[in-house]
Amino acid sequence: MSPSDETRRLGAYHDQEQEADMVLREVYAALKDKGYNPISQLVGYLLSGDPAYITSHMGARNLIRRLERDELLEALLRHYVHHLELSARDG
C-alpha cells in the first residue's frame, strides 16, 4: 500500500480545542453585538478565508486569525457530532 492510499490522521490537541472553542465564542459574540448574522459571516470566512467577513469589533478579526480555518472547522464539527451523540442517547 502506498503512503497516498493510507488515511491521514489529524492530531487533536486539547489546548487547540479549547482555543478554537474560545475563539468561536468570542467572534460569535462580537458579530452578534455589531448586528451581523454570526453564522453567515463565519461561513463566509470559513469558505473564503477572507477576514473581511469578521468584524474588527472586540478584536474579533485578529482573534480568528490566530487559528487555521481547518482547526475552526474541526471544533465546529466536533461540537455538532457531540450534540448528535447526546441526542441519540437521550432519545
PDB file of N, CA and C in Angstrom:
ATOM      1  N   MET A   1       0.851  -1.168   0.000  1.00  0.00           N
ATOM      2  CA  MET A   1       0.000   0.000   0.000  1.00  0.00           C
ATOM      3  C   MET A   1       0.900   1.236   0.000  1.00  0.00           C
ATOM      4  N   SER A   2       0.673   2.127  -0.928  1.00  0.00           N
ATOM      5  CA  SER A   2       1.491   3.339  -0.994  1.00  0.00           C
ATOM      6  C   SER A   2       1.019   4.337   0.065  1.00  0.00           C
ATOM      7  N   PRO A   3       1.885   5.239   0.484  1.00  0.00           N
ATOM      8  CA  PRO A   3       1.512   6.230   1.508  1.00  0.00           C
ATOM      9  C   PRO A   3       0.304   7.064   1.108  1.00  0.00           C
ATOM     10  N   SER A   4       0.083   7.286  -0.189  1.00  0.00           N
ATOM     11  CA  SER A   4      -1.052   8.099  -0.620  1.00  0.00           C
ATOM     12  C   SER A   4      -2.375   7.350  -0.495  1.00  0.00           C
ATOM     13  N   ASP A   5      -2.320   6.008  -0.326  1.00  0.00           N
ATOM     14  CA  ASP A   5      -3.543   5.222  -0.164  1.00  0.00           C
ATOM     15  C   ASP A   5      -4.000   5.140   1.285  1.00  0.00           C
ATOM     16  N   GLU A   6      -3.149   5.578   2.194  1.00  0.00           N
ATOM     17  CA  GLU A   6      -3.490   5.479   3.610  1.00  0.00           C
ATOM     18  C   GLU A   6      -4.328   6.671   4.043  1.00  0.00           C
ATOM     19  N   THR A   7      -5.197   6.429   4.996  1.00  0.00           N
ATOM     20  CA  THR A   7      -5.991   7.516   5.559  1.00  0.00           C
ATOM     21  C   THR A   7      -5.098   8.369   6.432  1.00  0.00           C
ATOM     22  N   ARG A   8      -5.140   9.671   6.196  1.00  0.00           N
ATOM     23  CA  ARG A   8      -4.334  10.582   7.000  1.00  0.00           C
ATOM     24  C   ARG A   8      -5.073  10.911   8.283  1.00  0.00           C
ATOM     25  N   ARG A   9      -4.335  11.051   9.349  1.00  0.00           N
ATOM     26  CA  ARG A   9      -4.923  11.404  10.639  1.00  0.00           C
ATOM     27  C   ARG A   9      -4.456  12.796  11.032  1.00  0.00           C
ATOM     28  N   LEU A  10      -5.407  13.564  11.494  1.00  0.00           N
ATOM     29  CA  LEU A  10      -5.070  14.877  12.025  1.00  0.00           C
ATOM     30  C   LEU A  10      -5.063  14.771  13.533  1.00  0.00           C
ATOM     31  N   GLY A  11      -4.043  15.280  14.148  1.00  0.00           N
ATOM     32  CA  GLY A  11      -3.930  15.220  15.600  1.00  0.00           C
ATOM     33  C   GLY A  11      -4.888  16.193  16.272  1.00  0.00           C
ATOM     34  N   ALA A  12      -5.437  15.778  17.373  1.00  0.00           N
ATOM     35  CA  ALA A  12      -6.308  16.642  18.166  1.00  0.00           C
ATOM     36  C   ALA A  12      -5.585  16.968  19.454  1.00  0.00           C
ATOM     37  N   TYR A  13      -5.390  18.211  19.697  1.00  0.00           N
ATOM     38  CA  TYR A  13      -4.688  18.648  20.887  1.00  0.00           C
ATOM     39  C   TYR A  13      -5.665  19.406  21.766  1.00  0.00           C
ATOM     40  N   HIS A  14      -5.695  19.045  23.028  1.00  0.00           N
ATOM     41  CA  HIS A  14      -6.657  19.618  23.965  1.00  0.00           C
ATOM     42  C   HIS A  14      -6.568  21.139  24.017  1.00  0.00           C
ATOM     43  N   ASP A  15      -5.359  21.689  24.049  1.00  0.00           N
ATOM     44  CA  ASP A  15      -5.202  23.140  24.109  1.00  0.00           C
ATOM     45  C   ASP A  15      -5.761  23.808  22.864  1.00  0.00           C
ATOM     46  N   GLN A  16      -5.534  23.219  21.710  1.00  0.00           N
ATOM     47  CA  GLN A  16      -6.070  23.771  20.464  1.00  0.00           C
ATOM     48  C   GLN A  16      -7.584  23.709  20.459  1.00  0.00           C
ATOM     49  N   GLU A  17      -8.139  22.632  21.007  1.00  0.00           N
ATOM     50  CA  GLU A  17      -9.587  22.506  21.074  1.00  0.00           C
ATOM     51  C   GLU A  17     -10.177  23.617  21.925  1.00  0.00           C
ATOM     52  N   GLN A  18      -9.580  23.853  23.069  1.00  0.00           N
ATOM     53  CA  GLN A  18     -10.070  24.904  23.962  1.00  0.00           C
ATOM     54  C   GLN A  18      -9.914  26.272  23.316  1.00  0.00           C
ATOM     55  N   GLU A  19      -8.803  26.502  22.641  1.00  0.00           N
ATOM     56  CA  GLU A  19      -8.596  27.795  21.995  1.00  0.00           C
ATOM     57  C   GLU A  19      -9.599  28.012  20.871  1.00  0.00           C
ATOM     58  N   ALA A  20      -9.856  26.983  20.071  1.00  0.00           N
ATOM     59  CA  ALA A  20     -10.831  27.102  18.989  1.00  0.00           C
ATOM     60  C   ALA A  20     -12.215  27.404  19.552  1.00  0.00           C
ATOM     61  N   ASP A  21     -12.596  26.728  20.622  1.00  0.00           N
ATOM     62  CA  ASP A  21     -13.892  26.992  21.247  1.00  0.00           C
ATOM     63  C   ASP A  21     -13.978  28.430  21.733  1.00  0.00           C
ATOM     64  N   MET A  22     -12.921  28.908  22.381  1.00  0.00           N
ATOM     65  CA  MET A  22     -12.903  30.278  22.895  1.00  0.00           C
ATOM     66  C   MET A  22     -12.979  31.288  21.751  1.00  0.00           C
ATOM     67  N   VAL A  23     -12.203  31.067  20.701  1.00  0.00           N
ATOM     68  CA  VAL A  23     -12.200  31.983  19.559  1.00  0.00           C
ATOM     69  C   VAL A  23     -13.581  32.047  18.929  1.00  0.00           C
ATOM     70  N   LEU A  24     -14.195  30.901  18.690  1.00  0.00           N
ATOM     71  CA  LEU A  24     -15.513  30.886  18.071  1.00  0.00           C
ATOM     72  C   LEU A  24     -16.554  31.588  18.937  1.00  0.00           C
ATOM     73  N   ARG A  25     -16.513  31.378  20.229  1.00  0.00           N
ATOM     74  CA  ARG A  25     -17.466  32.042  21.132  1.00  0.00           C
ATOM     75  C   ARG A  25     -17.286  33.559  21.112  1.00  0.00           C
ATOM     76  N   GLU A  26     -16.050  34.013  21.178  1.00  0.00           N
ATOM     77  CA  GLU A  26     -15.800  35.450  21.227  1.00  0.00           C
ATOM     78  C   GLU A  26     -16.102  36.129  19.890  1.00  0.00           C
ATOM     79  N   VAL A  27     -15.747  35.491  18.799  1.00  0.00           N
ATOM     80  CA  VAL A  27     -16.038  36.045  17.483  1.00  0.00           C
ATOM     81  C   VAL A  27     -17.550  36.073  17.257  1.00  0.00           C
ATOM     82  N   TYR A  28     -18.227  35.014  17.639  1.00  0.00           N
ATOM     83  CA  TYR A  28     -19.692  34.964  17.530  1.00  0.00           C
ATOM     84  C   TYR A  28     -20.316  36.127  18.303  1.00  0.00           C
ATOM     85  N   ALA A  29     -19.866  36.338  19.534  1.00  0.00           N
ATOM     86  CA  ALA A  29     -20.411  37.418  20.369  1.00  0.00           C
ATOM     87  C   ALA A  29     -20.153  38.782  19.736  1.00  0.00           C
ATOM     88  N   ALA A  30     -18.969  38.998  19.183  1.00  0.00           N
ATOM     89  CA  ALA A  30     -18.638  40.277  18.553  1.00  0.00           C
ATOM     90  C   ALA A  30     -19.509  40.526  17.327  1.00  0.00           C
ATOM     91  N   LEU A  31     -19.695  39.496  16.511  1.00  0.00           N
ATOM     92  CA  LEU A  31     -20.538  39.631  15.322  1.00  0.00           C
ATOM     93  C   LEU A  31     -21.980  39.947  15.718  1.00  0.00           C
ATOM     94  N   LYS A  32     -22.477  39.236  16.692  1.00  0.00           N
ATOM     95  CA  LYS A  32     -23.843  39.447  17.166  1.00  0.00           C
ATOM     96  C   LYS A  32     -23.997  40.857  17.749  1.00  0.00           C
ATOM     97  N   ASP A  33     -23.006  41.291  18.522  1.00  0.00           N
ATOM     98  CA  ASP A  33     -23.034  42.611  19.144  1.00  0.00           C
ATOM     99  C   ASP A  33     -23.093  43.726  18.092  1.00  0.00           C
ATOM    100  N   LYS A  34     -22.455  43.515  16.939  1.00  0.00           N
ATOM    101  CA  LYS A  34     -22.458  44.501  15.860  1.00  0.00           C
ATOM    102  C   LYS A  34     -23.685  44.387  14.955  1.00  0.00           C
ATOM    103  N   GLY A  35     -24.552  43.399  15.216  1.00  0.00           N
ATOM    104  CA  GLY A  35     -25.786  43.265  14.440  1.00  0.00           C
ATOM    105  C   GLY A  35     -25.676  42.398  13.202  1.00  0.00           C
ATOM    106  N   TYR A  36     -24.574  41.690  13.060  1.00  0.00           N
ATOM    107  CA  TYR A  36     -24.406  40.778  11.931  1.00  0.00           C
ATOM    108  C   TYR A  36     -25.041  39.428  12.250  1.00  0.00           C
ATOM    109  N   ASN A  37     -25.296  38.645  11.202  1.00  0.00           N
ATOM    110  CA  ASN A  37     -25.709  37.257  11.378  1.00  0.00           C
ATOM    111  C   ASN A  37     -24.420  36.451  11.542  1.00  0.00           C
ATOM    112  N   PRO A  38     -24.099  36.030  12.780  1.00  0.00           N
ATOM    113  CA  PRO A  38     -22.812  35.361  13.022  1.00  0.00           C
ATOM    114  C   PRO A  38     -22.595  34.107  12.195  1.00  0.00           C
ATOM    115  N   ILE A  39     -23.646  33.336  11.981  1.00  0.00           N
ATOM    116  CA  ILE A  39     -23.495  32.094  11.208  1.00  0.00           C
ATOM    117  C   ILE A  39     -23.096  32.411   9.768  1.00  0.00           C
ATOM    118  N   SER A  40     -23.798  33.323   9.139  1.00  0.00           N
ATOM    119  CA  SER A  40     -23.487  33.684   7.750  1.00  0.00           C
ATOM    120  C   SER A  40     -22.084  34.252   7.623  1.00  0.00           C
ATOM    121  N   GLN A  41     -21.695  35.100   8.547  1.00  0.00           N
ATOM    122  CA  GLN A  41     -20.376  35.710   8.487  1.00  0.00           C
ATOM    123  C   GLN A  41     -19.273  34.674   8.693  1.00  0.00           C
ATOM    124  N   LEU A  42     -19.472  33.773   9.649  1.00  0.00           N
ATOM    125  CA  LEU A  42     -18.475  32.727   9.890  1.00  0.00           C
ATOM    126  C   LEU A  42     -18.374  31.767   8.709  1.00  0.00           C
ATOM    127  N   VAL A  43     -19.502  31.420   8.107  1.00  0.00           N
ATOM    128  CA  VAL A  43     -19.470  30.550   6.927  1.00  0.00           C
ATOM    129  C   VAL A  43     -18.707  31.236   5.801  1.00  0.00           C
ATOM    130  N   GLY A  44     -18.983  32.519   5.582  1.00  0.00           N
ATOM    131  CA  GLY A  44     -18.257  33.264   4.548  1.00  0.00           C
ATOM    132  C   GLY A  44     -16.763  33.237   4.794  1.00  0.00           C
ATOM    133  N   TYR A  45     -16.363  33.446   6.036  1.00  0.00           N
ATOM    134  CA  TYR A  45     -14.942  33.414   6.368  1.00  0.00           C
ATOM    135  C   TYR A  45     -14.351  32.020   6.172  1.00  0.00           C
ATOM    136  N   LEU A  46     -15.035  31.004   6.672  1.00  0.00           N
ATOM    137  CA  LEU A  46     -14.507  29.641   6.583  1.00  0.00           C
ATOM    138  C   LEU A  46     -14.380  29.170   5.137  1.00  0.00           C
ATOM    139  N   LEU A  47     -15.311  29.565   4.281  1.00  0.00           N
ATOM    140  CA  LEU A  47     -15.252  29.150   2.877  1.00  0.00           C
ATOM    141  C   LEU A  47     -14.214  29.928   2.074  1.00  0.00           C
ATOM    142  N   SER A  48     -14.088  31.208   2.354  1.00  0.00           N
ATOM    143  CA  SER A  48     -13.233  32.052   1.529  1.00  0.00           C
ATOM    144  C   SER A  48     -11.862  32.344   2.123  1.00  0.00           C
ATOM    145  N   GLY A  49     -11.777  32.340   3.454  1.00  0.00           N
ATOM    146  CA  GLY A  49     -10.541  32.740   4.113  1.00  0.00           C
ATOM    147  C   GLY A  49     -10.385  34.244   4.194  1.00  0.00           C
ATOM    148  N   ASP A  50     -11.371  34.984   3.735  1.00  0.00           N
ATOM    149  CA  ASP A  50     -11.313  36.445   3.722  1.00  0.00           C
ATOM    150  C   ASP A  50     -11.696  36.991   5.093  1.00  0.00           C
ATOM    151  N   PRO A  51     -10.751  37.588   5.808  1.00  0.00           N
ATOM    152  CA  PRO A  51     -11.048  38.092   7.156  1.00  0.00           C
ATOM    153  C   PRO A  51     -12.020  39.272   7.170  1.00  0.00           C
ATOM    154  N   ALA A  52     -12.332  39.836   6.000  1.00  0.00           N
ATOM    155  CA  ALA A  52     -13.293  40.940   5.946  1.00  0.00           C
ATOM    156  C   ALA A  52     -14.696  40.497   6.379  1.00  0.00           C
ATOM    157  N   TYR A  53     -14.954  39.193   6.385  1.00  0.00           N
ATOM    158  CA  TYR A  53     -16.236  38.686   6.874  1.00  0.00           C
ATOM    159  C   TYR A  53     -16.371  38.836   8.386  1.00  0.00           C
ATOM    160  N   ILE A  54     -15.254  39.048   9.069  1.00  0.00           N
ATOM    161  CA  ILE A  54     -15.250  39.118  10.528  1.00  0.00           C
ATOM    162  C   ILE A  54     -14.999  40.565  10.951  1.00  0.00           C
ATOM    163  N   THR A  55     -15.846  41.066  11.809  1.00  0.00           N
ATOM    164  CA  THR A  55     -15.705  42.426  12.307  1.00  0.00           C
ATOM    165  C   THR A  55     -14.423  42.582  13.124  1.00  0.00           C
ATOM    166  N   SER A  56     -13.900  43.788  13.138  1.00  0.00           N
ATOM    167  CA  SER A  56     -12.748  44.058  13.996  1.00  0.00           C
ATOM    168  C   SER A  56     -13.200  44.428  15.409  1.00  0.00           C
ATOM    169  N   HIS A  57     -14.516  44.576  15.601  1.00  0.00           N
ATOM    170  CA  HIS A  57     -15.097  44.882  16.909  1.00  0.00           C
ATOM    171  C   HIS A  57     -14.646  43.843  17.944  1.00  0.00           C
ATOM    172  N   MET A  58     -14.224  44.321  19.086  1.00  0.00           N
ATOM    173  CA  MET A  58     -13.788  43.460  20.192  1.00  0.00           C
ATOM    174  C   MET A  58     -12.572  42.591  19.816  1.00  0.00           C
ATOM    175  N   GLY A  59     -11.831  43.015  18.793  1.00  0.00           N
ATOM    176  CA  GLY A  59     -10.642  42.276  18.386  1.00  0.00           C
ATOM    177  C   GLY A  59     -10.937  40.960  17.687  1.00  0.00           C
ATOM    178  N   ALA A  60     -12.176  40.787  17.209  1.00  0.00           N
ATOM    179  CA  ALA A  60     -12.593  39.501  16.632  1.00  0.00           C
ATOM    180  C   ALA A  60     -11.779  39.107  15.403  1.00  0.00           C
ATOM    181  N   ARG A  61     -11.469  40.071  14.547  1.00  0.00           N
ATOM    182  CA  ARG A  61     -10.727  39.737  13.327  1.00  0.00           C
ATOM    183  C   ARG A  61      -9.323  39.239  13.657  1.00  0.00           C
ATOM    184  N   ASN A  62      -8.666  39.892  14.576  1.00  0.00           N
ATOM    185  CA  ASN A  62      -7.333  39.434  14.986  1.00  0.00           C
ATOM    186  C   ASN A  62      -7.407  38.090  15.697  1.00  0.00           C
ATOM    187  N   LEU A  63      -8.452  37.906  16.475  1.00  0.00           N
ATOM    188  CA  LEU A  63      -8.627  36.669  17.225  1.00  0.00           C
ATOM    189  C   LEU A  63      -8.802  35.474  16.299  1.00  0.00           C
ATOM    190  N   ILE A  64      -9.644  35.627  15.283  1.00  0.00           N
ATOM    191  CA  ILE A  64      -9.923  34.481  14.401  1.00  0.00           C
ATOM    192  C   ILE A  64      -8.705  34.111  13.559  1.00  0.00           C
ATOM    193  N   ARG A  65      -7.809  35.069  13.333  1.00  0.00           N
ATOM    194  CA  ARG A  65      -6.596  34.796  12.564  1.00  0.00           C
ATOM    195  C   ARG A  65      -5.571  33.979  13.344  1.00  0.00           C
ATOM    196  N   ARG A  66      -5.789  33.809  14.642  1.00  0.00           N
ATOM    197  CA  ARG A  66      -4.848  33.024  15.457  1.00  0.00           C
ATOM    198  C   ARG A  66      -4.905  31.546  15.130  1.00  0.00           C
ATOM    199  N   LEU A  67      -6.000  31.103  14.518  1.00  0.00           N
ATOM    200  CA  LEU A  67      -6.171  29.681  14.197  1.00  0.00           C
ATOM    201  C   LEU A  67      -6.361  29.490  12.706  1.00  0.00           C
ATOM    202  N   GLU A  68      -5.977  28.327  12.243  1.00  0.00           N
ATOM    203  CA  GLU A  68      -6.230  27.961  10.852  1.00  0.00           C
ATOM    204  C   GLU A  68      -7.716  27.618  10.696  1.00  0.00           C
ATOM    205  N   ARG A  69      -8.220  27.801   9.493  1.00  0.00           N
ATOM    206  CA  ARG A  69      -9.640  27.515   9.253  1.00  0.00           C
ATOM    207  C   ARG A  69      -9.975  26.046   9.500  1.00  0.00           C
ATOM    208  N   ASP A  70      -9.046  25.131   9.201  1.00  0.00           N
ATOM    209  CA  ASP A  70      -9.334  23.717   9.434  1.00  0.00           C
ATOM    210  C   ASP A  70      -9.493  23.429  10.927  1.00  0.00           C
ATOM    211  N   GLU A  71      -8.770  24.163  11.778  1.00  0.00           N
ATOM    212  CA  GLU A  71      -8.919  23.974  13.222  1.00  0.00           C
ATOM    213  C   GLU A  71     -10.300  24.447  13.688  1.00  0.00           C
ATOM    214  N   LEU A  72     -10.770  25.548  13.107  1.00  0.00           N
ATOM    215  CA  LEU A  72     -12.103  26.044  13.447  1.00  0.00           C
ATOM    216  C   LEU A  72     -13.181  25.077  12.964  1.00  0.00           C
ATOM    217  N   LEU A  73     -13.017  24.575  11.745  1.00  0.00           N
ATOM    218  CA  LEU A  73     -13.983  23.602  11.219  1.00  0.00           C
ATOM    219  C   LEU A  73     -14.011  22.336  12.061  1.00  0.00           C
ATOM    220  N   GLU A  74     -12.847  21.896  12.490  1.00  0.00           N
ATOM    221  CA  GLU A  74     -12.775  20.705  13.339  1.00  0.00           C
ATOM    222  C   GLU A  74     -13.538  20.929  14.647  1.00  0.00           C
ATOM    223  N   ALA A  75     -13.369  22.090  15.255  1.00  0.00           N
ATOM    224  CA  ALA A  75     -14.060  22.395  16.504  1.00  0.00           C
ATOM    225  C   ALA A  75     -15.570  22.425  16.288  1.00  0.00           C
ATOM    226  N   LEU A  76     -16.009  23.023  15.191  1.00  0.00           N
ATOM    227  CA  LEU A  76     -17.446  23.078  14.898  1.00  0.00           C
ATOM    228  C   LEU A  76     -18.023  21.684  14.668  1.00  0.00           C
ATOM    229  N   LEU A  77     -17.317  20.877  13.897  1.00  0.00           N
ATOM    230  CA  LEU A  77     -17.785  19.524  13.621  1.00  0.00           C
ATOM    231  C   LEU A  77     -17.794  18.670  14.883  1.00  0.00           C
ATOM    232  N   ARG A  78     -16.771  18.812  15.706  1.00  0.00           N
ATOM    233  CA  ARG A  78     -16.701  18.066  16.961  1.00  0.00           C
ATOM    234  C   ARG A  78     -17.899  18.406  17.852  1.00  0.00           C
ATOM    235  N   HIS A  79     -18.226  19.687  17.942  1.00  0.00           N
ATOM    236  CA  HIS A  79     -19.364  20.120  18.751  1.00  0.00           C
ATOM    237  C   HIS A  79     -20.674  19.568  18.185  1.00  0.00           C
ATOM    238  N   TYR A  80     -20.824  19.609  16.882  1.00  0.00           N
ATOM    239  CA  TYR A  80     -22.036  19.116  16.223  1.00  0.00           C
ATOM    240  C   TYR A  80     -22.211  17.615  16.439  1.00  0.00           C
ATOM    241  N   VAL A  81     -21.144  16.857  16.240  1.00  0.00           N
ATOM    242  CA  VAL A  81     -21.215  15.400  16.421  1.00  0.00           C
ATOM    243  C   VAL A  81     -21.499  15.059  17.883  1.00  0.00           C
ATOM    244  N   HIS A  82     -20.889  15.785  18.798  1.00  0.00           N
ATOM    245  CA  HIS A  82     -21.156  15.564  20.223  1.00  0.00           C
ATOM    246  C   HIS A  82     -22.641  15.787  20.521  1.00  0.00           C
ATOM    247  N   HIS A  83     -23.208  16.837  19.945  1.00  0.00           N
ATOM    248  CA  HIS A  83     -24.635  17.116  20.126  1.00  0.00           C
ATOM    249  C   HIS A  83     -25.492  15.982  19.539  1.00  0.00           C
ATOM    250  N   LEU A  84     -25.112  15.479  18.365  1.00  0.00           N
ATOM    251  CA  LEU A  84     -25.840  14.362  17.756  1.00  0.00           C
ATOM    252  C   LEU A  84     -25.810  13.117  18.647  1.00  0.00           C
ATOM    253  N   GLU A  85     -24.640  12.834  19.202  1.00  0.00           N
ATOM    254  CA  GLU A  85     -24.489  11.661  20.060  1.00  0.00           C
ATOM    255  C   GLU A  85     -25.343  11.811  21.328  1.00  0.00           C
ATOM    256  N   LEU A  86     -25.377  12.999  21.891  1.00  0.00           N
ATOM    257  CA  LEU A  86     -26.220  13.222  23.072  1.00  0.00           C
ATOM    258  C   LEU A  86     -27.694  13.068  22.731  1.00  0.00           C
ATOM    259  N   SER A  87     -28.099  13.592  21.585  1.00  0.00           N
ATOM    260  CA  SER A  87     -29.499  13.495  21.158  1.00  0.00           C
ATOM    261  C   SER A  87     -29.889  12.034  20.926  1.00  0.00           C
ATOM    262  N   ALA A  88     -29.007  11.272  20.296  1.00  0.00           N
ATOM    263  CA  ALA A  88     -29.295   9.856  20.037  1.00  0.00           C
ATOM    264  C   ALA A  88     -29.398   9.059  21.330  1.00  0.00           C
ATOM    265  N   ARG A  89     -28.551   9.398  22.273  1.00  0.00           N
ATOM    266  CA  ARG A  89     -28.550   8.684  23.560  1.00  0.00           C
ATOM    267  C   ARG A  89     -29.804   9.007  24.361  1.00  0.00           C
ATOM    268  N   ASP A  90     -30.255  10.269  24.283  1.00  0.00           N
ATOM    269  CA  ASP A  90     -31.410  10.691  25.074  1.00  0.00           C
ATOM    270  C   ASP A  90     -32.739  10.327  24.421  1.00  0.00           C
ATOM    271  N   GLY A  91     -32.672   9.969  23.180  1.00  0.00           N
ATOM    272  CA  GLY A  91     -33.904   9.640  22.712  1.00  0.00           C
ATOM    273  C   GLY A  91     -34.494   9.294  21.536  1.00  0.00           C
TER     274      GLY A  91
END
